Amino acid sequence: MIMGGMRGFRFTLARSLVRLAWVAFIVVMTSLWMTASVVDAANTPCSGRKGGIAGCLGDTFVCNDGSVSGSKKSCSAYMGGAVGLMGGEAPQMAPAVGNE
């Protein structure tokens, strides 16, 4: 009689541990997914009112509104190696500082 009750206890304990493992797995995977979502939301050059990236002029980003981005990133590396607005070589540019 006692042995039968012990088997039921072991089965219930094992089932509870499996459920706990699944809950922990789901929590970890959800946390990783949310972290990846936050990383994807990072600002990109020419974001916001500038309307996105029109192209590159050397390593400098040229925005859709015609302005030059102040980003420290390399445009040619960011865009996959393309240089110049039309794919040709282009001189390096620097963003305007102050009221220039």
N, C-alpha and C. Protein backbone atom coordinates (compact mmCIF):
# COMPACT_ATOMS: atom_id res chain seq x y z
N MET A 1 0.81 -1.17 0.00
CA MET A 1 0.00 0.00 0.00
C MET A 1 0.86 1.26 0.00
N ILE A 2 1.85 1.29 0.86
CA ILE A 2 2.71 2.47 0.96
C ILE A 2 3.51 2.66 -0.33
N MET A 3 3.95 1.56 -0.95
CA MET A 3 4.74 1.64 -2.17
C MET A 3 3.94 2.29 -3.30
N GLY A 4 2.65 1.99 -3.41
CA GLY A 4 1.82 2.58 -4.45
C GLY A 4 1.72 4.08 -4.29
N GLY A 5 1.58 4.55 -3.08
CA GLY A 5 1.51 5.99 -2.82
C GLY A 5 2.82 6.69 -3.15
N MET A 6 3.93 6.01 -2.93
CA MET A 6 5.24 6.59 -3.21
C MET A 6 5.44 6.76 -4.71
N ARG A 7 4.95 5.81 -5.52
CA ARG A 7 5.06 5.93 -6.98
C ARG A 7 4.28 7.14 -7.48
N GLY A 8 3.12 7.36 -6.94
CA GLY A 8 2.32 8.52 -7.33
C GLY A 8 3.00 9.82 -6.98
N PHE A 9 3.64 9.86 -5.84
CA PHE A 9 4.37 11.06 -5.42
C PHE A 9 5.53 11.34 -6.37
N ARG A 10 6.28 10.30 -6.73
CA ARG A 10 7.42 10.47 -7.64
C ARG A 10 6.94 10.97 -9.00
N PHE A 11 5.84 10.42 -9.50
CA PHE A 11 5.29 10.83 -10.78
C PHE A 11 4.87 12.30 -10.74
N THR A 12 4.21 12.70 -9.68
CA THR A 12 3.76 14.09 -9.53
C THR A 12 4.95 15.03 -9.43
N LEU A 13 5.98 14.62 -8.69
CA LEU A 13 7.19 15.43 -8.56
C LEU A 13 7.88 15.58 -9.92
N ALA A 14 7.99 14.50 -10.66
CA ALA A 14 8.63 14.55 -11.98
C ALA A 14 7.84 15.45 -12.92
N ARG A 15 6.53 15.37 -12.90
CA ARG A 15 5.70 16.19 -13.76
C ARG A 15 5.86 17.67 -13.38
N SER A 16 5.94 17.97 -12.10
CA SER A 16 6.12 19.35 -11.65
C SER A 16 7.47 19.91 -12.09
N LEU A 17 8.50 19.09 -12.03
CA LEU A 17 9.83 19.52 -12.45
C LEU A 17 9.87 19.79 -13.96
N VAL A 18 9.18 18.97 -14.73
CA VAL A 18 9.13 19.19 -16.18
C VAL A 18 8.40 20.50 -16.48
N ARG A 19 7.30 20.76 -15.81
CA ARG A 19 6.57 22.02 -16.00
C ARG A 19 7.45 23.21 -15.63
N LEU A 20 8.15 23.11 -14.53
CA LEU A 20 9.04 24.18 -14.09
C LEU A 20 10.14 24.44 -15.13
N ALA A 21 10.67 23.38 -15.69
CA ALA A 21 11.71 23.52 -16.71
C ALA A 21 11.15 24.24 -17.94
N TRP A 22 9.94 23.90 -18.36
CA TRP A 22 9.31 24.56 -19.51
C TRP A 22 9.06 26.03 -19.23
N VAL A 23 8.58 26.35 -18.06
CA VAL A 23 8.33 27.75 -17.70
C VAL A 23 9.64 28.53 -17.72
N ALA A 24 10.68 27.97 -17.17
CA ALA A 24 11.99 28.63 -17.17
C ALA A 24 12.49 28.83 -18.60
N PHE A 25 12.31 27.84 -19.44
CA PHE A 25 12.72 27.93 -20.85
C PHE A 25 11.97 29.06 -21.55
N ILE A 26 10.67 29.14 -21.34
CA ILE A 26 9.85 30.17 -21.98
C ILE A 26 10.26 31.56 -21.49
N VAL A 27 10.53 31.70 -20.21
CA VAL A 27 10.96 32.99 -19.66
C VAL A 27 12.29 33.41 -20.28
N VAL A 28 13.23 32.50 -20.38
CA VAL A 28 14.54 32.82 -20.95
C VAL A 28 14.40 33.19 -22.42
N MET A 29 13.64 32.43 -23.19
CA MET A 29 13.48 32.72 -24.62
C MET A 29 12.77 34.06 -24.84
N THR A 30 11.78 34.37 -24.02
CA THR A 30 11.08 35.65 -24.13
C THR A 30 12.03 36.80 -23.82
N SER A 31 12.86 36.63 -22.83
CA SER A 31 13.84 37.67 -22.48
C SER A 31 14.82 37.90 -23.62
N LEU A 32 15.30 36.84 -24.23
CA LEU A 32 16.22 36.97 -25.36
C LEU A 32 15.55 37.67 -26.53
N TRP A 33 14.29 37.33 -26.80
CA TRP A 33 13.56 37.93 -27.90
C TRP A 33 13.38 39.43 -27.66
N MET A 34 13.04 39.80 -26.42
CA MET A 34 12.83 41.20 -26.10
C MET A 34 14.13 41.99 -26.19
N THR A 35 15.23 41.38 -25.80
CA THR A 35 16.54 42.03 -25.90
C THR A 35 16.89 42.28 -27.35
N ALA A 36 16.64 41.31 -28.21
CA ALA A 36 16.92 41.47 -29.64
C ALA A 36 16.06 42.57 -30.23
N SER A 37 14.83 42.70 -29.78
CA SER A 37 13.95 43.75 -30.29
C SER A 37 14.47 45.13 -29.92
N VAL A 38 15.00 45.28 -28.73
CA VAL A 38 15.53 46.56 -28.29
C VAL A 38 16.77 46.92 -29.11
N VAL A 39 17.60 45.95 -29.41
CA VAL A 39 18.81 46.20 -30.19
C VAL A 39 18.44 46.65 -31.60
N ASP A 40 17.42 46.06 -32.19
CA ASP A 40 16.98 46.45 -33.53
C ASP A 40 16.43 47.86 -33.58
N ALA A 41 15.98 48.38 -32.46
CA ALA A 41 15.36 49.70 -32.42
C ALA A 41 16.38 50.82 -32.30
N ALA A 42 17.66 50.52 -32.35
CA ALA A 42 18.70 51.55 -32.20
C ALA A 42 18.62 52.56 -33.35
N ASN A 43 19.03 53.79 -33.09
CA ASN A 43 19.01 54.83 -34.11
C ASN A 43 19.95 54.49 -35.25
N THR A 44 19.56 54.87 -36.43
CA THR A 44 20.39 54.69 -37.61
C THR A 44 20.72 56.07 -38.16
N PRO A 45 21.77 56.18 -38.95
CA PRO A 45 22.10 57.48 -39.54
C PRO A 45 20.93 58.00 -40.37
N CYS A 46 20.71 59.30 -40.34
CA CYS A 46 19.64 59.96 -41.10
C CYS A 46 18.24 59.54 -40.68
N SER A 47 18.09 59.09 -39.44
CA SER A 47 16.76 58.66 -39.00
C SER A 47 15.93 59.87 -38.58
N GLY A 48 14.66 59.66 -38.40
CA GLY A 48 13.76 60.72 -37.96
C GLY A 48 13.40 61.66 -39.10
N ARG A 49 13.49 62.96 -38.83
CA ARG A 49 13.07 63.98 -39.80
C ARG A 49 13.94 64.01 -41.05
N LYS A 50 15.12 63.44 -40.99
CA LYS A 50 16.01 63.47 -42.15
C LYS A 50 15.55 62.52 -43.25
N GLY A 51 14.66 61.59 -42.95
CA GLY A 51 14.01 60.78 -43.98
C GLY A 51 14.76 59.55 -44.45
N GLY A 52 15.84 59.20 -43.80
CA GLY A 52 16.57 57.99 -44.19
C GLY A 52 17.81 58.32 -45.00
N ILE A 53 18.52 57.30 -45.39
CA ILE A 53 19.79 57.45 -46.10
C ILE A 53 19.54 57.52 -47.60
N ALA A 54 20.03 58.60 -48.23
CA ALA A 54 19.93 58.73 -49.69
C ALA A 54 21.12 58.03 -50.34
N GLY A 55 22.27 58.09 -49.70
CA GLY A 55 23.46 57.47 -50.27
C GLY A 55 24.69 57.85 -49.47
N CYS A 56 25.83 57.55 -50.05
CA CYS A 56 27.11 57.83 -49.38
C CYS A 56 27.92 58.80 -50.22
N LEU A 57 28.71 59.57 -49.55
CA LEU A 57 29.73 60.39 -50.17
C LEU A 57 30.99 60.08 -49.41
N GLY A 58 31.72 59.09 -49.90
CA GLY A 58 32.85 58.54 -49.16
C GLY A 58 32.32 57.77 -47.97
N ASP A 59 32.79 58.11 -46.79
CA ASP A 59 32.31 57.45 -45.56
C ASP A 59 31.19 58.25 -44.90
N THR A 60 30.74 59.33 -45.53
CA THR A 60 29.73 60.21 -44.96
C THR A 60 28.35 59.86 -45.50
N PHE A 61 27.36 59.86 -44.60
CA PHE A 61 25.98 59.59 -44.98
C PHE A 61 25.33 60.86 -45.53
N VAL A 62 24.68 60.76 -46.67
CA VAL A 62 23.87 61.85 -47.22
C VAL A 62 22.42 61.45 -47.01
N CYS A 63 21.66 62.32 -46.35
CA CYS A 63 20.27 62.01 -45.99
C CYS A 63 19.31 62.40 -47.11
N ASN A 64 18.09 61.86 -47.06
CA ASN A 64 17.08 62.14 -48.07
C ASN A 64 16.66 63.60 -48.11
N ASP A 65 16.85 64.33 -47.01
CA ASP A 65 16.50 65.76 -47.01
C ASP A 65 17.64 66.62 -47.53
N GLY A 66 18.73 66.00 -47.97
CA GLY A 66 19.86 66.72 -48.54
C GLY A 66 20.95 67.06 -47.54
N SER A 67 20.71 66.85 -46.26
CA SER A 67 21.72 67.16 -45.25
C SER A 67 22.73 66.02 -45.12
N VAL A 68 23.79 66.30 -44.38
CA VAL A 68 24.83 65.31 -44.12
C VAL A 68 24.69 64.86 -42.68
N SER A 69 24.73 63.58 -42.45
CA SER A 69 24.58 63.03 -41.10
C SER A 69 25.85 63.25 -40.29
N GLY A 70 25.68 63.45 -39.00
CA GLY A 70 26.82 63.58 -38.10
C GLY A 70 27.27 62.25 -37.53
N SER A 71 26.82 61.16 -38.11
CA SER A 71 27.14 59.83 -37.60
C SER A 71 28.63 59.55 -37.69
N LYS A 72 29.14 58.81 -36.71
CA LYS A 72 30.55 58.41 -36.70
C LYS A 72 30.75 57.09 -37.45
N LYS A 73 29.65 56.47 -37.88
CA LYS A 73 29.76 55.20 -38.61
C LYS A 73 30.28 55.45 -40.02
N SER A 74 30.87 54.41 -40.61
CA SER A 74 31.34 54.48 -41.98
C SER A 74 30.19 54.13 -42.91
N CYS A 75 29.81 55.06 -43.78
CA CYS A 75 28.70 54.83 -44.69
C CYS A 75 29.01 53.69 -45.66
N SER A 76 30.21 53.68 -46.20
CA SER A 76 30.54 52.64 -47.17
C SER A 76 30.51 51.26 -46.52
N ALA A 77 30.94 51.14 -45.27
CA ALA A 77 30.87 49.85 -44.57
C ALA A 77 29.43 49.51 -44.23
N TYR A 78 28.65 50.51 -43.82
CA TYR A 78 27.25 50.30 -43.43
C TYR A 78 26.40 49.88 -44.63
N MET A 79 26.68 50.47 -45.80
CA MET A 79 25.90 50.19 -46.99
C MET A 79 26.46 49.01 -47.80
N GLY A 80 27.45 48.35 -47.27
CA GLY A 80 27.97 47.16 -47.95
C GLY A 80 29.08 47.43 -48.93
N GLY A 81 29.84 48.49 -48.70
CA GLY A 81 31.00 48.74 -49.53
C GLY A 81 30.76 49.73 -50.65
N ALA A 82 29.54 50.20 -50.87
CA ALA A 82 29.26 51.17 -51.92
C ALA A 82 29.87 52.51 -51.54
N VAL A 83 30.48 53.18 -52.52
CA VAL A 83 31.03 54.51 -52.27
C VAL A 83 30.46 55.47 -53.29
N GLY A 84 30.26 56.71 -52.89
CA GLY A 84 29.72 57.71 -53.80
C GLY A 84 28.23 57.54 -54.00
N LEU A 85 27.58 58.62 -54.40
CA LEU A 85 26.13 58.56 -54.61
C LEU A 85 25.77 57.67 -55.80
N MET A 86 26.60 57.68 -56.83
CA MET A 86 26.32 56.87 -58.01
C MET A 86 27.29 55.71 -58.16
N GLY A 87 27.95 55.34 -57.09
CA GLY A 87 28.85 54.19 -57.12
C GLY A 87 30.27 54.55 -57.47
N GLY A 88 30.57 55.82 -57.81
CA GLY A 88 31.92 56.23 -58.15
C GLY A 88 32.67 56.69 -56.92
N GLU A 89 33.96 56.95 -57.11
CA GLU A 89 34.75 57.47 -56.00
C GLU A 89 34.29 58.88 -55.65
N ALA A 90 34.29 59.18 -54.39
CA ALA A 90 33.86 60.50 -53.95
C ALA A 90 34.79 61.00 -52.86
N PRO A 91 34.95 62.33 -52.78
CA PRO A 91 35.79 62.88 -51.71
C PRO A 91 35.11 62.72 -50.37
N GLN A 92 35.91 62.79 -49.31
CA GLN A 92 35.37 62.73 -47.96
C GLN A 92 34.70 64.05 -47.61
N MET A 93 33.61 63.97 -46.86
CA MET A 93 32.92 65.17 -46.39
C MET A 93 32.87 65.14 -44.88
N ALA A 94 32.67 66.29 -44.28
CA ALA A 94 32.48 66.37 -42.83
C ALA A 94 31.19 67.12 -42.57
N PRO A 95 30.41 66.71 -41.57
CA PRO A 95 29.19 67.42 -41.27
C PRO A 95 29.49 68.83 -40.76
N ALA A 96 28.56 69.74 -41.05
CA ALA A 96 28.72 71.12 -40.61
C ALA A 96 28.62 71.20 -39.10
N VAL A 97 29.43 72.04 -38.48
CA VAL A 97 29.42 72.23 -37.05
C VAL A 97 28.93 73.66 -36.78
N GLY A 98 27.93 73.80 -35.92
CA GLY A 98 27.42 75.12 -35.56
C GLY A 98 26.57 75.70 -36.67
N ASN A 99 26.77 76.97 -36.99
CA ASN A 99 25.97 77.67 -38.01
C ASN A 99 26.71 77.85 -39.32
N GLU A 100 27.46 76.90 -39.71
CA GLU A 100 28.24 76.99 -40.96
C GLU A 100 27.38 76.72 -42.15
